[in-house]
C-alpha cells in the first residue's frame, strides 16, 4: 500500500500524559500525486487501548537483498549513505499500484543499492538506527527491522489492527516511535519486541526523536486551526509525556519535523508560500528560516549526521513526473540532486 499516495489530512488531538492535556488538533498527510496539499480527512478514532499481539517477533516475508555499495565506514552507516524508499511510476493503467522498495545511496549519488526486492508488498519509510547497523521500515503495513544489507528482517509485534508509518528511533536504540495512520496516534515499542506497546498520544503523526532522547517532535494543531503545526513534547523512557510546546504557528500547513544533530533546530516543510518548501526553526528562539525557493514541491527534510547539510525530496508533477532526493547546505545553498530519474519516485529519505 502506498501510504504516500493514498493518505489525506487527518484531524489530530494532542493529549500528553502525566495528567496534562492539550486541546484537540488536526493532522496533515499529503497525497503523493496531488499538486496542492489535500483537504483534511475525518478525525481518526481516539482509541488509546488496542488489542495487543502476544506473539514474539516474527520474520517479515523473505525477500531478495542486494549488497550495499562499499563505504569507507565500518558498517556502511548513515554518515556515508542516505536510505529512502523507491517506486517506479507505472505507465499503463493495467499495471496497478506499484510497490516500493528500500534503497540506499551515497550523498554524492554513487553506490546505489536496493535492499528489498519484493513485488508483492511495499517497503516504505526507512529510518537508520542510531548505530547505523539496522534500518526500521514499514513492510506491507507491518513494522520491521533489518540489517543494513537487507538481511535478517524481523517484524515487531504490535496490536492486530495497527497501521504503522514513519518510525523514528530513540537515540539509545532501545525504542521506536511511530504513528498509526488509521487511528492517527503516536505509539512507542521496544526494538527487541519486548515489553508493552505504549500509546504516547491518542492522536498525532510523523514523530521525530530528539538527539538527547528526551523529546519528540511531531505534527499537530490546536482545535481552532485548520492546518497542522510542529509540536514538541517531553517523553520518558517509560513513555510518559509532558510539557507540550507549539514550535510553529502558521495558518497553513507545517509538517515532517527533523531535528538537527545538536538539537537546536528543526527542519520542516510548509505550504505557506503557495507550494511546499523546506524551512527550519530554532527551538529556543522560534526564529524561522526559509531554505528552498523552488517552483517545484519540496518535502521530507533530513539532516546529515554532522549537521552541515539537509537532504530532502523534490517532486515534479508536470512533464517527466517523478520525485527525487536532493541535498543542500543547512543554510539552503548549494542544492544538488542525489537520486533523480524520470518516472521514478524516491521518498522518505533518512540520513
C-alpha atoms as a PDB file:
ATOM      1  CA  UNK A   1       0.000   0.000   0.000  1.00  0.00           C
ATOM      2  CA  UNK A   2       1.396   3.311  -0.983  1.00  0.00           C
ATOM      3  CA  UNK A   3       0.599   5.429   2.073  1.00  0.00           C
ATOM      4  CA  UNK A   4       2.382   8.378   0.489  1.00  0.00           C
ATOM      5  CA  UNK A   5      -0.123   8.334  -2.362  1.00  0.00           C
ATOM      6  CA  UNK A   6      -3.297   7.357  -0.518  1.00  0.00           C
ATOM      7  CA  UNK A   7      -3.337   9.348   2.713  1.00  0.00           C
ATOM      8  CA  UNK A   8      -5.149  12.670   3.082  1.00  0.00           C
ATOM      9  CA  UNK A   9      -5.058  15.093   6.007  1.00  0.00           C
ATOM     10  CA  UNK A  10      -6.444  13.727   9.273  1.00  0.00           C
ATOM     11  CA  UNK A  11      -7.628  15.694  12.298  1.00  0.00           C
ATOM     12  CA  UNK A  12      -5.341  15.372  15.310  1.00  0.00           C
ATOM     13  CA  UNK A  13      -5.985  15.855  19.026  1.00  0.00           C
ATOM     14  CA  UNK A  14      -2.816  16.305  21.059  1.00  0.00           C
ATOM     15  CA  UNK A  15      -3.148  14.917  24.564  1.00  0.00           C
ATOM     16  CA  UNK A  16       0.015  14.449  26.659  1.00  0.00           C
ATOM     17  CA  UNK A  17       0.331  12.073  29.600  1.00  0.00           C
ATOM     18  CA  UNK A  18       1.352  12.724  33.157  1.00  0.00           C
ATOM     19  CA  UNK A  19      -2.041  14.317  33.812  1.00  0.00           C
ATOM     20  CA  UNK A  20      -1.506  17.175  31.328  1.00  0.00           C
ATOM     21  CA  UNK A  21      -3.536  17.529  28.166  1.00  0.00           C
ATOM     22  CA  UNK A  22      -3.902  19.916  25.267  1.00  0.00           C
ATOM     23  CA  UNK A  23      -6.777  20.963  23.045  1.00  0.00           C
ATOM     24  CA  UNK A  24      -7.870  18.875  20.017  1.00  0.00           C
ATOM     25  CA  UNK A  25      -5.639  19.061  16.956  1.00  0.00           C
ATOM     26  CA  UNK A  26      -5.700  18.391  13.270  1.00  0.00           C
ATOM     27  CA  UNK A  27      -3.199  16.405  11.255  1.00  0.00           C
ATOM     28  CA  UNK A  28      -1.989  16.643   7.650  1.00  0.00           C
ATOM     29  CA  UNK A  29      -0.930  13.902   5.300  1.00  0.00           C
ATOM     30  CA  UNK A  30      -0.170  14.969   1.728  1.00  0.00           C
ATOM     31  CA  UNK A  31      -1.144  12.904  -1.297  1.00  0.00           C
ATOM     32  CA  UNK A  32       1.848  11.848  -3.343  1.00  0.00           C
ATOM     33  CA  UNK A  33       0.309  12.757  -6.692  1.00  0.00           C
ATOM     34  CA  UNK A  34      -1.586  15.919  -5.806  1.00  0.00           C
ATOM     35  CA  UNK A  35      -0.249  19.282  -6.928  1.00  0.00           C
ATOM     36  CA  UNK A  36      -1.544  21.032  -3.820  1.00  0.00           C
ATOM     37  CA  UNK A  37      -1.847  19.698  -0.264  1.00  0.00           C
ATOM     38  CA  UNK A  38      -5.020  17.709   0.252  1.00  0.00           C
ATOM     39  CA  UNK A  39      -8.068  18.555   2.318  1.00  0.00           C
ATOM     40  CA  UNK A  40      -8.337  17.162   5.874  1.00  0.00           C
ATOM     41  CA  UNK A  41      -9.723  13.666   6.321  1.00  0.00           C
ATOM     42  CA  UNK A  42     -12.115  12.778   9.079  1.00  0.00           C
ATOM     43  CA  UNK A  43     -10.660  12.516  12.537  1.00  0.00           C
ATOM     44  CA  UNK A  44      -9.174   9.111  13.356  1.00  0.00           C
ATOM     45  CA  UNK A  45     -10.627   7.127  16.207  1.00  0.00           C
ATOM     46  CA  UNK A  46      -9.208   8.140  19.561  1.00  0.00           C
ATOM     47  CA  UNK A  47      -8.872   4.627  20.923  1.00  0.00           C
ATOM     48  CA  UNK A  48      -5.839   4.572  23.189  1.00  0.00           C
ATOM     49  CA  UNK A  49      -6.143   0.915  24.105  1.00  0.00           C
ATOM     50  CA  UNK A  50      -5.920  -1.638  21.305  1.00  0.00           C
ATOM     51  CA  UNK A  51      -5.631  -5.378  21.242  1.00  0.00           C
ATOM     52  CA  UNK A  52      -2.027  -6.422  21.814  1.00  0.00           C
ATOM     53  CA  UNK A  53      -0.275  -9.201  19.999  1.00  0.00           C
ATOM     54  CA  UNK A  54       1.340 -11.598  22.471  1.00  0.00           C
ATOM     55  CA  UNK A  55       3.419 -13.466  19.923  1.00  0.00           C
ATOM     56  CA  UNK A  56       7.211 -12.958  19.735  1.00  0.00           C
ATOM     57  CA  UNK A  57       8.813 -11.037  16.859  1.00  0.00           C
ATOM     58  CA  UNK A  58       8.431 -12.821  13.537  1.00  0.00           C
ATOM     59  CA  UNK A  59      10.444 -12.604  10.354  1.00  0.00           C
ATOM     60  CA  UNK A  60       8.943 -10.463   7.657  1.00  0.00           C
ATOM     61  CA  UNK A  61       8.385 -12.233   4.366  1.00  0.00           C
ATOM     62  CA  UNK A  62      11.754 -13.274   2.966  1.00  0.00           C
ATOM     63  CA  UNK A  63      12.893 -11.051   0.145  1.00  0.00           C
ATOM     64  CA  UNK A  64      15.947 -10.880  -2.051  1.00  0.00           C
ATOM     65  CA  UNK A  65      18.588  -8.417  -0.939  1.00  0.00           C
ATOM     66  CA  UNK A  66      21.291  -6.651  -2.891  1.00  0.00           C
ATOM     67  CA  UNK A  67      24.689  -5.939  -1.402  1.00  0.00           C
ATOM     68  CA  UNK A  68      25.076  -2.267  -0.461  1.00  0.00           C
ATOM     69  CA  UNK A  69      27.844  -0.232  -2.035  1.00  0.00           C
ATOM     70  CA  UNK A  70      31.214  -0.341  -0.399  1.00  0.00           C
ATOM     71  CA  UNK A  71      31.659   2.512   2.042  1.00  0.00           C
ATOM     72  CA  UNK A  72      34.633   3.855   3.953  1.00  0.00           C
ATOM     73  CA  UNK A  73      32.999   3.433   7.365  1.00  0.00           C
ATOM     74  CA  UNK A  74      32.707   0.073   9.088  1.00  0.00           C
ATOM     75  CA  UNK A  75      29.024  -0.652   8.618  1.00  0.00           C
ATOM     76  CA  UNK A  76      28.063   1.460   5.591  1.00  0.00           C
ATOM     77  CA  UNK A  77      26.266   3.622   8.142  1.00  0.00           C
ATOM     78  CA  UNK A  78      24.399   6.877   7.909  1.00  0.00           C
ATOM     79  CA  UNK A  79      27.459   9.136   7.682  1.00  0.00           C
ATOM     80  CA  UNK A  80      28.051   7.700   4.208  1.00  0.00           C
ATOM     81  CA  UNK A  81      24.562   6.828   2.997  1.00  0.00           C
ATOM     82  CA  UNK A  82      21.019   8.077   2.614  1.00  0.00           C
ATOM     83  CA  UNK A  83      18.277   5.468   2.894  1.00  0.00           C
ATOM     84  CA  UNK A  84      14.938   6.022   1.121  1.00  0.00           C
ATOM     85  CA  UNK A  85      12.024   4.195  -0.459  1.00  0.00           C
ATOM     86  CA  UNK A  86      11.821   3.932  -4.227  1.00  0.00           C
ATOM     87  CA  UNK A  87       8.902   3.317  -6.597  1.00  0.00           C
ATOM     88  CA  UNK A  88       8.761   3.075 -10.383  1.00  0.00           C
ATOM     89  CA  UNK A  89       5.857   5.092 -11.799  1.00  0.00           C
ATOM     90  CA  UNK A  90       3.538   2.858 -13.794  1.00  0.00           C
ATOM     91  CA  UNK A  91       2.964   3.858 -17.391  1.00  0.00           C
ATOM     92  CA  UNK A  92      -0.177   1.781 -18.064  1.00  0.00           C
ATOM     93  CA  UNK A  93      -3.449   1.732 -16.108  1.00  0.00           C
ATOM     94  CA  UNK A  94      -3.454  -2.086 -16.057  1.00  0.00           C
ATOM     95  CA  UNK A  95      -0.206  -2.210 -14.117  1.00  0.00           C
ATOM     96  CA  UNK A  96      -1.934  -1.244 -10.872  1.00  0.00           C
ATOM     97  CA  UNK A  97      -0.363   0.473  -7.870  1.00  0.00           C
ATOM     98  CA  UNK A  98       3.412  -0.091  -7.835  1.00  0.00           C
ATOM     99  CA  UNK A  99       5.173  -1.428  -4.762  1.00  0.00           C
ATOM    100  CA  UNK A 100       8.006   0.426  -3.062  1.00  0.00           C
ATOM    101  CA  UNK A 101      11.413  -0.924  -2.051  1.00  0.00           C
ATOM    102  CA  UNK A 102      14.157   0.304   0.264  1.00  0.00           C
ATOM    103  CA  UNK A 103      17.330   1.694  -1.321  1.00  0.00           C
ATOM    104  CA  UNK A 104      20.495   3.389  -0.128  1.00  0.00           C
ATOM    105  CA  UNK A 105      22.747   5.840  -1.944  1.00  0.00           C
ATOM    106  CA  UNK A 106      25.865   7.821  -1.126  1.00  0.00           C
ATOM    107  CA  UNK A 107      25.323  11.590  -0.744  1.00  0.00           C
ATOM    108  CA  UNK A 108      27.285  12.071  -3.980  1.00  0.00           C
ATOM    109  CA  UNK A 109      24.766   9.874  -5.820  1.00  0.00           C
ATOM    110  CA  UNK A 110      27.080   6.884  -6.160  1.00  0.00           C
ATOM    111  CA  UNK A 111      26.826   3.291  -4.900  1.00  0.00           C
ATOM    112  CA  UNK A 112      23.073   2.879  -5.225  1.00  0.00           C
ATOM    113  CA  UNK A 113      21.883  -0.310  -3.565  1.00  0.00           C
ATOM    114  CA  UNK A 114      18.446  -1.922  -3.486  1.00  0.00           C
ATOM    115  CA  UNK A 115      17.886  -3.618  -0.128  1.00  0.00           C
ATOM    116  CA  UNK A 116      14.415  -5.119  -0.605  1.00  0.00           C
ATOM    117  CA  UNK A 117      13.053  -6.610  -3.818  1.00  0.00           C
ATOM    118  CA  UNK A 118       9.560  -7.911  -3.132  1.00  0.00           C
ATOM    119  CA  UNK A 119       6.987  -7.469  -5.898  1.00  0.00           C
ATOM    120  CA  UNK A 120       4.120  -8.447  -3.571  1.00  0.00           C
ATOM    121  CA  UNK A 121       4.437  -5.831  -0.843  1.00  0.00           C
ATOM    122  CA  UNK A 122       5.588  -2.270  -0.296  1.00  0.00           C
ATOM    123  CA  UNK A 123       8.574  -1.452   1.895  1.00  0.00           C
ATOM    124  CA  UNK A 124       8.474   2.189   2.956  1.00  0.00           C
ATOM    125  CA  UNK A 125       9.512   4.898   5.412  1.00  0.00           C
ATOM    126  CA  UNK A 126      13.018   3.662   6.333  1.00  0.00           C
ATOM    127  CA  UNK A 127      14.904   5.020   9.353  1.00  0.00           C
ATOM    128  CA  UNK A 128      18.533   4.386  10.354  1.00  0.00           C
ATOM    129  CA  UNK A 129      19.220   3.015  13.815  1.00  0.00           C
ATOM    130  CA  UNK A 130      21.489   5.305  15.879  1.00  0.00           C
ATOM    131  CA  UNK A 131      24.470   2.959  15.465  1.00  0.00           C
ATOM    132  CA  UNK A 132      23.796   2.564  11.745  1.00  0.00           C
ATOM    133  CA  UNK A 133      23.628  -1.235  11.953  1.00  0.00           C
ATOM    134  CA  UNK A 134      19.877  -1.576  11.296  1.00  0.00           C
ATOM    135  CA  UNK A 135      17.028   0.050   9.401  1.00  0.00           C
ATOM    136  CA  UNK A 136      13.453   0.260  10.668  1.00  0.00           C
ATOM    137  CA  UNK A 137      10.774   0.420   7.995  1.00  0.00           C
ATOM    138  CA  UNK A 138       7.161  -0.423   7.196  1.00  0.00           C
ATOM    139  CA  UNK A 139       6.595  -3.552   5.132  1.00  0.00           C
ATOM    140  CA  UNK A 140       3.059  -4.221   3.943  1.00  0.00           C
ATOM    141  CA  UNK A 141       1.628  -2.384   6.965  1.00  0.00           C
ATOM    142  CA  UNK A 142       3.952  -4.139   9.427  1.00  0.00           C
ATOM    143  CA  UNK A 143       6.732  -2.512  11.447  1.00  0.00           C
ATOM    144  CA  UNK A 144      10.015  -4.265  10.637  1.00  0.00           C
ATOM    145  CA  UNK A 145      13.725  -4.004  11.339  1.00  0.00           C
ATOM    146  CA  UNK A 146      16.503  -5.347   9.114  1.00  0.00           C
ATOM    147  CA  UNK A 147      20.269  -5.217   8.791  1.00  0.00           C
ATOM    148  CA  UNK A 148      21.794  -2.592   6.516  1.00  0.00           C
ATOM    149  CA  UNK A 149      22.417  -5.174   3.786  1.00  0.00           C
ATOM    150  CA  UNK A 150      18.715  -6.116   3.712  1.00  0.00           C
ATOM    151  CA  UNK A 151      19.148  -9.350   5.679  1.00  0.00           C
ATOM    152  CA  UNK A 152      17.515 -10.600   8.885  1.00  0.00           C
ATOM    153  CA  UNK A 153      14.155  -8.864   8.523  1.00  0.00           C
ATOM    154  CA  UNK A 154      12.223  -9.022  11.790  1.00  0.00           C
ATOM    155  CA  UNK A 155       8.617  -7.946  12.373  1.00  0.00           C
ATOM    156  CA  UNK A 156       7.961  -6.177  15.676  1.00  0.00           C
ATOM    157  CA  UNK A 157       4.755  -7.259  17.468  1.00  0.00           C
ATOM    158  CA  UNK A 158       2.040  -4.594  17.523  1.00  0.00           C
ATOM    159  CA  UNK A 159      -1.712  -4.611  18.102  1.00  0.00           C
ATOM    160  CA  UNK A 160      -3.558  -6.535  15.409  1.00  0.00           C
ATOM    161  CA  UNK A 161      -5.223  -3.523  13.795  1.00  0.00           C
ATOM    162  CA  UNK A 162      -2.039  -1.423  13.713  1.00  0.00           C
ATOM    163  CA  UNK A 163      -1.206   0.575  10.606  1.00  0.00           C
ATOM    164  CA  UNK A 164       2.276   1.902  11.467  1.00  0.00           C
ATOM    165  CA  UNK A 165       4.130   4.503   9.440  1.00  0.00           C
ATOM    166  CA  UNK A 166       7.279   6.636   9.608  1.00  0.00           C
ATOM    167  CA  UNK A 167       9.188   5.065  12.521  1.00  0.00           C
ATOM    168  CA  UNK A 168      11.814   7.010  14.466  1.00  0.00           C
ATOM    169  CA  UNK A 169      14.484   5.511  16.764  1.00  0.00           C
ATOM    170  CA  UNK A 170      15.322   6.677  20.265  1.00  0.00           C
ATOM    171  CA  UNK A 171      18.987   7.748  20.418  1.00  0.00           C
ATOM    172  CA  UNK A 172      19.848   4.773  22.664  1.00  0.00           C
ATOM    173  CA  UNK A 173      18.433   2.405  20.030  1.00  0.00           C
ATOM    174  CA  UNK A 174      16.099   0.674  22.510  1.00  0.00           C
ATOM    175  CA  UNK A 175      12.770   2.104  21.365  1.00  0.00           C
ATOM    176  CA  UNK A 176      10.945   3.068  18.182  1.00  0.00           C
ATOM    177  CA  UNK A 177       8.130   5.596  17.987  1.00  0.00           C
ATOM    178  CA  UNK A 178       5.701   5.592  15.057  1.00  0.00           C
ATOM    179  CA  UNK A 179       2.269   6.849  14.140  1.00  0.00           C
ATOM    180  CA  UNK A 180      -0.786   4.846  13.200  1.00  0.00           C
ATOM    181  CA  UNK A 181      -2.268   6.373  10.057  1.00  0.00           C
ATOM    182  CA  UNK A 182      -5.744   4.941  10.782  1.00  0.00           C
ATOM    183  CA  UNK A 183      -6.007   5.858  14.454  1.00  0.00           C
ATOM    184  CA  UNK A 184      -3.775   8.894  13.812  1.00  0.00           C
ATOM    185  CA  UNK A 185      -1.933   8.461  17.093  1.00  0.00           C
ATOM    186  CA  UNK A 186       1.654   8.174  18.322  1.00  0.00           C
ATOM    187  CA  UNK A 187       2.960   4.927  19.821  1.00  0.00           C
ATOM    188  CA  UNK A 188       6.211   3.558  21.219  1.00  0.00           C
ATOM    189  CA  UNK A 189       7.573  -0.002  21.183  1.00  0.00           C
ATOM    190  CA  UNK A 190      10.847  -1.708  22.109  1.00  0.00           C
ATOM    191  CA  UNK A 191      13.152  -2.645  19.253  1.00  0.00           C
ATOM    192  CA  UNK A 192      13.635  -6.195  20.535  1.00  0.00           C
ATOM    193  CA  UNK A 193       9.873  -6.801  20.664  1.00  0.00           C
ATOM    194  CA  UNK A 194       9.777  -6.968  24.460  1.00  0.00           C
ATOM    195  CA  UNK A 195       7.598  -5.044  26.851  1.00  0.00           C
ATOM    196  CA  UNK A 196       4.205  -3.483  26.243  1.00  0.00           C
ATOM    197  CA  UNK A 197       3.308  -1.177  23.380  1.00  0.00           C
ATOM    198  CA  UNK A 198       2.787   2.313  24.772  1.00  0.00           C
ATOM    199  CA  UNK A 199       0.420   4.950  23.411  1.00  0.00           C
ATOM    200  CA  UNK A 200       2.159   8.340  23.589  1.00  0.00           C
ATOM    201  CA  UNK A 201      -0.792  10.407  22.382  1.00  0.00           C
ATOM    202  CA  UNK A 202      -4.237   9.275  21.184  1.00  0.00           C
ATOM    203  CA  UNK A 203      -3.614  11.387  18.093  1.00  0.00           C
ATOM    204  CA  UNK A 204      -0.571  12.723  16.262  1.00  0.00           C
ATOM    205  CA  UNK A 205       1.678  11.919  13.323  1.00  0.00           C
ATOM    206  CA  UNK A 206       5.238  11.975  11.951  1.00  0.00           C
ATOM    207  CA  UNK A 207       7.206  11.693  15.194  1.00  0.00           C
ATOM    208  CA  UNK A 208      10.898  12.630  15.285  1.00  0.00           C
ATOM    209  CA  UNK A 209      13.017  11.775  18.333  1.00  0.00           C
ATOM    210  CA  UNK A 210      15.374  14.489  19.594  1.00  0.00           C
ATOM    211  CA  UNK A 211      19.128  13.759  19.729  1.00  0.00           C
ATOM    212  CA  UNK A 212      19.123  13.882  23.543  1.00  0.00           C
ATOM    213  CA  UNK A 213      16.300  11.332  23.687  1.00  0.00           C
ATOM    214  CA  UNK A 214      14.135  13.460  25.975  1.00  0.00           C
ATOM    215  CA  UNK A 215      11.714  14.927  23.427  1.00  0.00           C
ATOM    216  CA  UNK A 216       9.672  14.004  20.387  1.00  0.00           C
ATOM    217  CA  UNK A 217       8.642  16.492  17.701  1.00  0.00           C
ATOM    218  CA  UNK A 218       5.528  15.755  15.656  1.00  0.00           C
ATOM    219  CA  UNK A 219       2.706  17.251  13.631  1.00  0.00           C
ATOM    220  CA  UNK A 220      -0.378  18.591  15.371  1.00  0.00           C
ATOM    221  CA  UNK A 221      -2.569  21.650  15.745  1.00  0.00           C
ATOM    222  CA  UNK A 222      -4.821  23.433  18.177  1.00  0.00           C
ATOM    223  CA  UNK A 223      -8.552  22.968  17.948  1.00  0.00           C
ATOM    224  CA  UNK A 224      -9.134  26.263  16.156  1.00  0.00           C
ATOM    225  CA  UNK A 225      -6.502  25.609  13.466  1.00  0.00           C
ATOM    226  CA  UNK A 226      -7.303  24.114  10.061  1.00  0.00           C
ATOM    227  CA  UNK A 227      -3.718  23.035   9.305  1.00  0.00           C
ATOM    228  CA  UNK A 228      -1.093  21.246  11.441  1.00  0.00           C
ATOM    229  CA  UNK A 229       1.955  22.839  13.060  1.00  0.00           C
ATOM    230  CA  UNK A 230       5.093  21.426  14.663  1.00  0.00           C
ATOM    231  CA  UNK A 231       4.846  20.483  18.334  1.00  0.00           C
ATOM    232  CA  UNK A 232       7.412  19.121  20.794  1.00  0.00           C
ATOM    233  CA  UNK A 233       6.730  17.139  23.962  1.00  0.00           C
ATOM    234  CA  UNK A 234       8.892  15.555  26.622  1.00  0.00           C
ATOM    235  CA  UNK A 235       8.916  11.749  26.727  1.00  0.00           C
ATOM    236  CA  UNK A 236      10.340   9.488  29.419  1.00  0.00           C
ATOM    237  CA  UNK A 237      11.932   6.066  28.789  1.00  0.00           C
ATOM    238  CA  UNK A 238       8.662   4.556  30.027  1.00  0.00           C
ATOM    239  CA  UNK A 239       6.625   6.573  27.532  1.00  0.00           C
ATOM    240  CA  UNK A 240       5.187   9.199  29.868  1.00  0.00           C
ATOM    241  CA  UNK A 241       4.727  12.532  28.108  1.00  0.00           C
ATOM    242  CA  UNK A 242       4.580  16.122  29.355  1.00  0.00           C
ATOM    243  CA  UNK A 243       5.265  19.788  28.601  1.00  0.00           C
ATOM    244  CA  UNK A 244       3.693  20.094  25.168  1.00  0.00           C
ATOM    245  CA  UNK A 245       5.129  23.075  23.269  1.00  0.00           C
ATOM    246  CA  UNK A 246       3.987  24.539  19.960  1.00  0.00           C
ATOM    247  CA  UNK A 247       7.058  25.317  17.835  1.00  0.00           C
ATOM    248  CA  UNK A 248       5.495  26.767  14.667  1.00  0.00           C
ATOM    249  CA  UNK A 249       2.328  28.821  14.340  1.00  0.00           C
ATOM    250  CA  UNK A 250       1.055  29.496  10.836  1.00  0.00           C
ATOM    251  CA  UNK A 251      -2.435  29.323   9.261  1.00  0.00           C
ATOM    252  CA  UNK A 252      -1.133  26.940   6.572  1.00  0.00           C
ATOM    253  CA  UNK A 253       0.474  23.506   6.810  1.00  0.00           C
ATOM    254  CA  UNK A 254       3.713  22.761   8.707  1.00  0.00           C
ATOM    255  CA  UNK A 255       4.924  19.177   8.875  1.00  0.00           C
ATOM    256  CA  UNK A 256       7.579  16.448   8.734  1.00  0.00           C
ATOM    257  CA  UNK A 257       9.852  17.662  11.543  1.00  0.00           C
ATOM    258  CA  UNK A 258      13.528  16.626  11.560  1.00  0.00           C
ATOM    259  CA  UNK A 259      15.929  17.515  14.390  1.00  0.00           C
ATOM    260  CA  UNK A 260      19.380  18.909  13.743  1.00  0.00           C
ATOM    261  CA  UNK A 261      22.082  16.674  15.290  1.00  0.00           C
ATOM    262  CA  UNK A 262      22.814  19.251  18.013  1.00  0.00           C
ATOM    263  CA  UNK A 263      19.119  19.511  18.910  1.00  0.00           C
ATOM    264  CA  UNK A 264      18.900  23.280  18.417  1.00  0.00           C
ATOM    265  CA  UNK A 265      16.887  23.372  15.172  1.00  0.00           C
ATOM    266  CA  UNK A 266      14.061  21.501  13.478  1.00  0.00           C
ATOM    267  CA  UNK A 267      13.725  21.346   9.707  1.00  0.00           C
ATOM    268  CA  UNK A 268      10.194  21.012   8.329  1.00  0.00           C
ATOM    269  CA  UNK A 269       8.119  21.617   5.227  1.00  0.00           C
ATOM    270  CA  UNK A 270       5.367  24.170   4.781  1.00  0.00           C
ATOM    271  CA  UNK A 271       2.989  25.241   2.046  1.00  0.00           C
ATOM    272  CA  UNK A 272       2.835  28.812   3.363  1.00  0.00           C
ATOM    273  CA  UNK A 273       4.425  30.165   0.155  1.00  0.00           C
ATOM    274  CA  UNK A 274       1.840  28.513  -2.110  1.00  0.00           C
ATOM    275  CA  UNK A 275       3.902  25.379  -2.745  1.00  0.00           C
ATOM    276  CA  UNK A 276       5.608  23.028  -0.336  1.00  0.00           C
ATOM    277  CA  UNK A 277       9.077  24.207   0.672  1.00  0.00           C
ATOM    278  CA  UNK A 278      11.687  23.420   3.313  1.00  0.00           C
ATOM    279  CA  UNK A 279      12.129  25.639   6.375  1.00  0.00           C
ATOM    280  CA  UNK A 280      13.926  25.381   9.696  1.00  0.00           C
ATOM    281  CA  UNK A 281      13.158  26.803  13.124  1.00  0.00           C
ATOM    282  CA  UNK A 282      15.343  27.461  16.157  1.00  0.00           C
ATOM    283  CA  UNK A 283      13.682  25.551  19.012  1.00  0.00           C
ATOM    284  CA  UNK A 284      14.735  28.150  21.591  1.00  0.00           C
ATOM    285  CA  UNK A 285      14.121  31.491  19.851  1.00  0.00           C
ATOM    286  CA  UNK A 286      11.466  30.067  17.456  1.00  0.00           C
ATOM    287  CA  UNK A 287      13.101  32.066  14.657  1.00  0.00           C
ATOM    288  CA  UNK A 288      12.229  30.527  11.281  1.00  0.00           C
ATOM    289  CA  UNK A 289      14.316  30.443   8.105  1.00  0.00           C
ATOM    290  CA  UNK A 290      13.122  29.523   4.620  1.00  0.00           C
ATOM    291  CA  UNK A 291      15.618  27.188   2.932  1.00  0.00           C
ATOM    292  CA  UNK A 292      14.169  26.349  -0.501  1.00  0.00           C
ATOM    293  CA  UNK A 293      12.600  28.674  -3.085  1.00  0.00           C
ATOM    294  CA  UNK A 294      11.831  26.156  -5.803  1.00  0.00           C
ATOM    295  CA  UNK A 295       8.802  26.336  -8.135  1.00  0.00           C
ATOM    296  CA  UNK A 296       8.508  22.575  -7.510  1.00  0.00           C
ATOM    297  CA  UNK A 297       7.410  20.770  -4.348  1.00  0.00           C
ATOM    298  CA  UNK A 298       9.946  20.092  -1.561  1.00  0.00           C
ATOM    299  CA  UNK A 299       9.234  17.699   1.319  1.00  0.00           C
ATOM    300  CA  UNK A 300      10.824  15.253   3.771  1.00  0.00           C
ATOM    301  CA  UNK A 301      13.862  17.090   5.162  1.00  0.00           C
ATOM    302  CA  UNK A 302      16.531  15.056   6.983  1.00  0.00           C
ATOM    303  CA  UNK A 303      19.815  16.342   8.418  1.00  0.00           C
ATOM    304  CA  UNK A 304      23.241  14.927   7.713  1.00  0.00           C
ATOM    305  CA  UNK A 305      24.862  13.482  10.868  1.00  0.00           C
ATOM    306  CA  UNK A 306      27.341  16.382  11.027  1.00  0.00           C
ATOM    307  CA  UNK A 307      24.540  18.962  10.704  1.00  0.00           C
ATOM    308  CA  UNK A 308      26.116  20.673   7.702  1.00  0.00           C
ATOM    309  CA  UNK A 309      23.606  19.521   5.068  1.00  0.00           C
ATOM    310  CA  UNK A 310      19.953  18.584   4.658  1.00  0.00           C
ATOM    311  CA  UNK A 311      18.594  16.006   2.237  1.00  0.00           C
ATOM    312  CA  UNK A 312      15.004  16.285   1.048  1.00  0.00           C
ATOM    313  CA  UNK A 313      12.543  15.118  -1.576  1.00  0.00           C
ATOM    314  CA  UNK A 314      11.771  17.251  -4.632  1.00  0.00           C
ATOM    315  CA  UNK A 315       8.685  16.429  -6.685  1.00  0.00           C
ATOM    316  CA  UNK A 316       7.848  17.219 -10.295  1.00  0.00           C
ATOM    317  CA  UNK A 317       4.230  16.821 -11.318  1.00  0.00           C
ATOM    318  CA  UNK A 318       4.061  18.020 -14.908  1.00  0.00           C
ATOM    319  CA  UNK A 319       6.402  16.801 -17.638  1.00  0.00           C
ATOM    320  CA  UNK A 320       8.560  13.900 -16.580  1.00  0.00           C
ATOM    321  CA  UNK A 321       6.634  13.141 -13.397  1.00  0.00           C
ATOM    322  CA  UNK A 322       8.969  11.922 -10.682  1.00  0.00           C
ATOM    323  CA  UNK A 323      10.180  12.575  -7.151  1.00  0.00           C
ATOM    324  CA  UNK A 324      13.879  12.889  -6.428  1.00  0.00           C
ATOM    325  CA  UNK A 325      16.275  13.069  -3.498  1.00  0.00           C
ATOM    326  CA  UNK A 326      18.236  16.342  -3.285  1.00  0.00           C
ATOM    327  CA  UNK A 327      20.680  17.714  -0.734  1.00  0.00           C
ATOM    328  CA  UNK A 328      21.639  21.262   0.224  1.00  0.00           C
ATOM    329  CA  UNK A 329      23.751  23.049   2.781  1.00  0.00           C
ATOM    330  CA  UNK A 330      21.918  23.665   6.051  1.00  0.00           C
ATOM    331  CA  UNK A 331      21.543  27.359   5.136  1.00  0.00           C
ATOM    332  CA  UNK A 332      19.658  26.415   1.930  1.00  0.00           C
ATOM    333  CA  UNK A 333      22.524  26.960  -0.503  1.00  0.00           C
ATOM    334  CA  UNK A 334      24.124  24.547  -2.991  1.00  0.00           C
ATOM    335  CA  UNK A 335      21.111  22.364  -3.748  1.00  0.00           C
ATOM    336  CA  UNK A 336      22.143  19.362  -5.871  1.00  0.00           C
ATOM    337  CA  UNK A 337      20.468  16.068  -6.878  1.00  0.00           C
ATOM    338  CA  UNK A 338      21.442  12.832  -5.151  1.00  0.00           C
ATOM    339  CA  UNK A 339      18.981  10.422  -6.784  1.00  0.00           C
ATOM    340  CA  UNK A 340      16.931  11.630  -9.755  1.00  0.00           C
ATOM    341  CA  UNK A 341      15.429   9.531 -12.531  1.00  0.00           C
ATOM    342  CA  UNK A 342      12.404  10.204 -14.702  1.00  0.00           C
ATOM    343  CA  UNK A 343       9.247   8.196 -13.904  1.00  0.00           C
ATOM    344  CA  UNK A 344      10.620   7.143 -10.523  1.00  0.00           C
ATOM    345  CA  UNK A 345       9.544   8.230  -7.060  1.00  0.00           C
ATOM    346  CA  UNK A 346      12.162   8.489  -4.313  1.00  0.00           C
ATOM    347  CA  UNK A 347      10.540   9.224  -0.940  1.00  0.00           C
ATOM    348  CA  UNK A 348      11.198   9.318   2.788  1.00  0.00           C
ATOM    349  CA  UNK A 349      14.964   9.955   2.891  1.00  0.00           C
ATOM    350  CA  UNK A 350      16.811   9.409   6.146  1.00  0.00           C
ATOM    351  CA  UNK A 351      20.461  10.394   6.506  1.00  0.00           C
END
